[in-house]
N, C-alpha and C. Protein backbone atom coordinates (compact mmCIF):
# COMPACT_ATOMS: atom_id res chain seq x y z
N ARG A 1 -18.97 39.32 79.68
CA ARG A 1 -18.05 39.86 78.86
C ARG A 1 -16.81 40.09 78.51
N PHE A 2 -16.55 39.65 76.88
CA PHE A 2 -14.90 39.32 76.96
C PHE A 2 -14.45 40.33 76.44
N ALA A 3 -13.76 40.95 77.29
CA ALA A 3 -12.62 42.15 76.31
C ALA A 3 -11.26 42.04 76.60
N MET A 4 -10.78 42.24 75.77
CA MET A 4 -8.80 42.42 75.66
C MET A 4 -8.83 43.56 74.55
N ASP A 5 -8.57 44.97 75.16
CA ASP A 5 -7.71 45.91 74.80
C ASP A 5 -6.81 46.12 74.96
N TYR A 6 -6.24 47.41 74.10
CA TYR A 6 -4.64 47.53 73.98
C TYR A 6 -4.87 49.11 73.61
N THR A 7 -4.45 50.04 74.18
CA THR A 7 -4.34 51.86 73.59
C THR A 7 -2.88 51.71 73.59
N TYR A 8 -2.57 52.53 72.35
CA TYR A 8 -1.46 52.59 72.25
C TYR A 8 -1.01 53.93 71.53
N ARG A 9 -0.32 54.82 72.23
CA ARG A 9 -0.41 56.37 71.96
C ARG A 9 0.99 56.55 72.57
N ARG A 10 1.20 57.68 71.70
CA ARG A 10 3.00 58.16 71.82
C ARG A 10 2.93 59.16 72.70
N ARG A 11 3.47 59.37 73.41
CA ARG A 11 3.59 60.58 74.59
C ARG A 11 4.05 62.09 74.11
N ARG A 12 3.43 63.10 74.30
CA ARG A 12 3.86 64.28 73.88
C ARG A 12 5.28 64.84 74.04
N LEU A 13 6.08 65.79 72.93
CA LEU A 13 7.30 65.88 73.84
C LEU A 13 7.23 66.80 74.57
N GLY A 14 7.88 67.08 75.66
CA GLY A 14 7.66 67.85 76.50
C GLY A 14 6.99 67.66 77.79
N ALA A 15 6.01 66.85 77.38
CA ALA A 15 4.82 66.17 78.52
C ALA A 15 5.19 65.66 79.79
N SER A 16 4.03 66.49 80.76
CA SER A 16 4.66 65.46 82.62
C SER A 16 4.40 63.99 81.61
N GLU A 17 4.88 63.12 83.38
CA GLU A 17 4.63 61.99 82.87
C GLU A 17 3.41 61.69 82.85
N ASP A 18 2.49 61.93 83.58
CA ASP A 18 0.87 61.88 83.21
C ASP A 18 0.56 62.02 81.77
N GLY A 19 1.28 62.73 81.12
CA GLY A 19 0.82 62.85 80.01
C GLY A 19 -0.41 64.31 79.55
N LYS A 20 -0.17 64.84 80.74
CA LYS A 20 -0.62 65.71 80.84
C LYS A 20 0.29 67.25 80.81
N GLY A 21 -0.12 68.44 80.53
CA GLY A 21 0.80 69.45 79.93
C GLY A 21 0.93 70.16 79.17
N GLU A 22 1.70 70.68 78.19
CA GLU A 22 2.24 71.46 77.08
C GLU A 22 3.24 70.55 76.87
N GLY A 23 3.39 70.76 75.33
CA GLY A 23 4.57 69.55 74.85
C GLY A 23 4.61 69.57 72.87
N GLU A 24 5.32 68.91 72.24
CA GLU A 24 5.14 69.36 71.34
C GLU A 24 4.53 67.81 70.82
N VAL A 25 3.49 67.64 69.51
CA VAL A 25 3.65 66.50 69.33
C VAL A 25 4.91 65.87 68.50
N ASP A 26 4.83 64.45 69.54
CA ASP A 26 5.74 63.33 68.47
C ASP A 26 6.24 63.65 67.37
N ALA A 27 7.11 63.47 67.27
CA ALA A 27 7.34 63.58 65.04
C ALA A 27 7.34 62.33 64.46
N LYS A 28 7.63 61.38 64.67
CA LYS A 28 7.09 60.21 64.57
C LYS A 28 5.31 59.95 64.34
N SER A 29 5.48 59.24 63.24
CA SER A 29 3.76 59.32 63.00
C SER A 29 3.55 58.04 63.53
N VAL A 30 2.29 57.57 64.50
CA VAL A 30 1.64 56.20 65.08
C VAL A 30 2.12 54.87 64.23
N GLY A 31 2.26 55.10 62.83
CA GLY A 31 2.35 54.14 61.35
C GLY A 31 3.66 53.59 61.84
N ASP A 32 4.73 54.66 62.23
CA ASP A 32 6.04 54.21 62.40
C ASP A 32 6.46 52.97 63.01
N ASP A 33 7.49 51.92 62.91
CA ASP A 33 7.55 50.81 63.46
C ASP A 33 9.54 51.18 64.13
N ASP A 34 8.99 50.96 65.57
CA ASP A 34 10.59 51.28 66.30
C ASP A 34 9.69 50.40 67.47
N GLU A 35 10.92 50.67 68.06
CA GLU A 35 11.04 49.68 69.59
C GLU A 35 9.59 50.16 70.61
N THR A 36 9.11 51.01 70.23
CA THR A 36 7.41 51.33 71.05
C THR A 36 6.53 50.44 70.81
N THR A 37 6.69 50.41 68.94
CA THR A 37 5.35 49.96 68.36
C THR A 37 5.49 48.32 69.30
N PRO A 38 3.94 48.37 69.45
CA PRO A 38 3.51 46.63 69.65
C PRO A 38 3.04 46.02 68.89
N HIS A 39 3.48 44.95 69.22
CA HIS A 39 3.18 43.51 67.77
C HIS A 39 2.59 42.69 68.27
N PHE A 40 1.28 42.59 68.12
CA PHE A 40 0.17 41.37 68.53
C PHE A 40 0.69 40.34 67.37
N ARG A 41 0.73 38.67 67.50
CA ARG A 41 0.77 37.96 66.95
C ARG A 41 0.03 36.37 67.63
N ASN A 42 -0.48 35.44 66.51
CA ASN A 42 -0.59 34.18 66.94
C ASN A 42 -2.04 34.34 68.06
N LEU A 43 -2.81 35.02 68.11
CA LEU A 43 -3.87 35.03 69.35
C LEU A 43 -4.82 33.95 68.83
N SER A 44 -5.69 33.27 69.82
CA SER A 44 -6.58 32.19 69.62
C SER A 44 -7.97 32.64 70.27
N VAL A 45 -8.91 32.28 69.84
CA VAL A 45 -10.38 32.20 70.66
C VAL A 45 -10.96 31.23 70.21
N ILE A 46 -10.93 30.62 71.06
CA ILE A 46 -11.10 28.89 70.97
C ILE A 46 -13.03 28.92 71.74
N ASN A 47 -14.16 28.38 71.14
CA ASN A 47 -15.26 27.76 71.99
C ASN A 47 -15.84 29.15 72.64
N LEU A 48 -16.05 29.97 72.02
CA LEU A 48 -16.50 31.19 72.64
C LEU A 48 -17.75 31.64 72.16
N THR A 49 -18.76 31.78 73.36
CA THR A 49 -20.46 32.56 73.00
C THR A 49 -20.61 33.26 73.35
N ALA A 50 -21.42 34.64 72.81
CA ALA A 50 -21.88 35.58 73.30
C ALA A 50 -22.98 36.19 72.81
N THR A 51 -23.39 36.75 73.65
CA THR A 51 -25.08 37.09 73.44
C THR A 51 -25.13 38.25 73.80
N ARG A 52 -26.63 38.97 72.70
CA ARG A 52 -26.70 39.88 73.53
C ARG A 52 -25.76 41.46 72.80
N ALA A 53 -24.90 41.24 72.25
CA ALA A 53 -24.01 42.05 71.39
C ALA A 53 -24.39 43.09 70.24
N VAL A 54 -23.63 44.07 70.62
CA VAL A 54 -23.47 45.04 69.63
C VAL A 54 -22.67 44.91 68.39
N VAL A 55 -20.87 44.45 68.81
CA VAL A 55 -19.93 44.10 67.60
C VAL A 55 -19.32 42.85 68.22
N ALA A 56 -19.38 41.67 67.00
CA ALA A 56 -18.94 40.65 66.90
C ALA A 56 -17.39 40.29 68.07
N GLY A 57 -16.90 41.55 67.21
CA GLY A 57 -15.57 41.78 67.57
C GLY A 57 -14.32 42.50 66.67
N THR A 58 -13.89 43.55 67.10
CA THR A 58 -12.76 43.97 66.39
C THR A 58 -11.06 43.77 66.46
N PHE A 59 -10.64 43.86 65.88
CA PHE A 59 -8.91 43.32 65.20
C PHE A 59 -8.53 44.21 64.61
N ALA A 60 -8.01 46.04 65.11
CA ALA A 60 -7.15 46.56 64.55
C ALA A 60 -5.96 46.74 64.81
N GLY A 61 -5.49 46.62 64.10
CA GLY A 61 -3.86 46.78 63.81
C GLY A 61 -3.19 48.18 63.46
N LEU A 62 -2.11 48.35 63.69
CA LEU A 62 -1.32 49.88 62.98
C LEU A 62 -0.58 49.13 61.50
N PRO A 63 -0.75 50.00 60.69
CA PRO A 63 -0.29 50.38 59.40
C PRO A 63 1.01 49.07 59.46
N ALA A 64 2.11 49.77 60.58
CA ALA A 64 3.06 49.01 60.31
C ALA A 64 3.78 48.15 60.90
N SER A 65 2.45 47.36 61.98
CA SER A 65 2.04 46.62 62.98
C SER A 65 0.81 45.76 63.08
N GLN A 66 0.94 45.04 61.83
CA GLN A 66 -0.92 44.32 61.36
C GLN A 66 -0.35 43.21 62.50
N ILE A 67 -2.26 42.75 62.87
CA ILE A 67 -2.55 42.10 63.91
C ILE A 67 -2.37 40.03 62.97
N GLU A 68 -1.13 39.81 63.22
CA GLU A 68 -1.51 38.24 62.53
C GLU A 68 -2.03 37.10 62.69
N GLY A 69 -2.35 36.54 62.57
CA GLY A 69 -2.30 34.95 62.89
C GLY A 69 -3.72 34.67 63.87
N VAL A 70 -4.24 35.50 63.71
CA VAL A 70 -5.61 35.60 64.54
C VAL A 70 -6.33 34.01 64.36
N GLU A 71 -6.64 33.66 65.28
CA GLU A 71 -7.62 32.45 64.86
C GLU A 71 -9.19 31.81 65.50
N LEU A 72 -10.39 32.27 65.18
CA LEU A 72 -11.37 32.04 65.64
C LEU A 72 -11.58 30.40 65.20
N VAL A 73 -12.03 29.93 66.28
CA VAL A 73 -12.29 28.33 66.20
C VAL A 73 -13.84 28.29 66.64
N ASP A 74 -14.82 27.81 66.69
CA ASP A 74 -15.89 27.22 67.30
C ASP A 74 -17.11 28.73 68.45
N VAL A 75 -16.58 29.89 67.27
CA VAL A 75 -17.16 30.95 68.34
C VAL A 75 -18.82 31.61 67.47
N ALA A 76 -19.36 31.68 68.30
CA ALA A 76 -21.03 32.36 68.21
C ALA A 76 -21.57 33.67 68.81
N VAL A 77 -21.87 34.59 68.20
CA VAL A 77 -21.78 35.68 68.08
C VAL A 77 -23.19 36.14 67.89
N THR A 78 -24.22 36.38 69.07
CA THR A 78 -25.69 36.84 68.53
C THR A 78 -26.33 38.24 69.08
N GLY A 79 -26.76 38.91 68.25
CA GLY A 79 -27.32 40.21 68.86
C GLY A 79 -28.44 40.10 69.79
N GLU A 80 -28.80 41.37 70.37
CA GLU A 80 -29.87 41.57 71.38
C GLU A 80 -31.03 41.00 70.64
N ASP A 81 -31.27 40.85 69.27
CA ASP A 81 -32.64 40.21 68.86
C ASP A 81 -32.62 38.85 68.49
N GLY A 82 -31.67 38.19 68.91
CA GLY A 82 -31.63 36.74 68.42
C GLY A 82 -31.37 36.68 66.76
N TRP A 83 -30.70 38.04 66.01
CA TRP A 83 -30.29 37.98 64.66
C TRP A 83 -31.71 37.77 64.47
N GLU A 84 -32.87 38.21 64.72
CA GLU A 84 -33.87 38.15 63.58
C GLU A 84 -34.02 39.35 62.99
N SER A 85 -33.37 40.49 63.57
CA SER A 85 -33.23 42.09 62.55
C SER A 85 -31.71 41.82 61.90
N THR A 86 -31.90 42.16 60.38
CA THR A 86 -30.52 42.22 59.89
C THR A 86 -29.86 43.42 60.58
N SER A 87 -30.10 44.48 60.57
CA SER A 87 -30.20 45.72 60.76
C SER A 87 -29.05 45.75 62.25
N HIS A 88 -29.52 44.88 63.59
CA HIS A 88 -28.90 44.61 64.50
C HIS A 88 -28.09 43.55 64.31
N GLN A 89 -27.46 42.93 63.58
CA GLN A 89 -26.65 41.82 63.61
C GLN A 89 -25.40 42.09 63.89
N PRO A 90 -24.44 41.76 64.98
CA PRO A 90 -22.93 41.97 65.39
C PRO A 90 -22.17 41.82 64.16
N GLN A 91 -21.11 42.07 63.68
CA GLN A 91 -20.33 41.96 63.00
C GLN A 91 -18.95 42.26 63.29
N PHE A 92 -18.31 41.04 62.56
CA PHE A 92 -16.67 41.29 63.12
C PHE A 92 -15.94 42.77 61.81
N ARG A 93 -15.18 43.71 63.05
CA ARG A 93 -14.88 44.18 62.23
C ARG A 93 -12.70 44.04 62.14
N CYS A 94 -12.18 44.64 61.21
CA CYS A 94 -10.87 44.01 60.90
C CYS A 94 -10.38 45.49 60.45
N LYS A 95 -9.61 45.63 60.74
CA LYS A 95 -8.41 46.88 60.07
C LYS A 95 -6.81 46.10 60.10
N ASN A 96 -6.35 46.08 59.36
CA ASN A 96 -4.68 45.59 59.27
C ASN A 96 -4.77 44.70 60.49
N ALA A 97 -5.38 43.54 60.08
CA ALA A 97 -5.37 42.23 60.63
C ALA A 97 -5.63 41.09 59.81
N SER A 98 -4.92 39.99 60.00
CA SER A 98 -5.12 38.90 59.29
C SER A 98 -5.32 37.67 60.17
N GLY A 99 -6.05 36.54 59.86
CA GLY A 99 -6.38 35.59 60.67
C GLY A 99 -7.01 33.97 59.67
N THR A 100 -7.93 33.37 60.55
CA THR A 100 -8.70 32.32 59.80
C THR A 100 -9.60 31.97 61.08
N ALA A 101 -10.53 31.70 60.39
CA ALA A 101 -11.82 31.34 61.13
C ALA A 101 -12.27 29.68 60.81
N LEU A 102 -12.86 29.25 61.79
CA LEU A 102 -13.40 27.90 61.58
C LEU A 102 -15.17 27.88 62.04
N ARG A 103 -15.89 27.57 61.71
CA ARG A 103 -17.05 27.26 62.63
C ARG A 103 -17.35 28.54 63.39
N THR A 104 -17.31 29.84 62.96
CA THR A 104 -17.48 31.10 63.11
C THR A 104 -19.11 31.73 62.80
N VAL A 105 -19.70 32.52 63.62
CA VAL A 105 -20.80 32.79 63.12
C VAL A 105 -20.80 34.43 64.27
N PRO A 106 -20.67 35.24 63.25
CA PRO A 106 -20.82 35.59 61.91
C PRO A 106 -20.04 35.43 61.36
N ASP A 107 -19.60 35.38 59.99
CA ASP A 107 -18.55 34.86 59.48
C ASP A 107 -17.32 36.30 59.50
N ALA A 108 -16.08 35.68 59.81
CA ALA A 108 -15.00 36.91 60.52
C ALA A 108 -14.30 37.63 58.68
N CYS A 109 -13.92 38.58 59.93
CA CYS A 109 -13.77 39.51 58.36
C CYS A 109 -12.03 39.49 57.66
N PHE A 110 -11.86 38.54 57.89
CA PHE A 110 -10.22 38.41 57.25
C PHE A 110 -10.31 36.81 56.79
């Protein structure tokens, strides 16, 4: 299994360090860009083969901090049924992301 996850969430004002407790929602929107906003650029996935996948891959950036420069080269992802049924064919999903793909199956979303 290949996974690279990063979850970004602002802490509530007045909340305890563990994120629990009462507090107001931070006045800034998650889409705002400031010193706490993560930035991901120039990511490469090369020579990856995955089988029995439900999703080929997901690249989801923020409106104010898009994922840029993703490079997929020689990536092959197949579903549980070996692509026999198009209803179970895994796909790449992209939101606020850009990049290039070479010899990638299924087709990348950027």
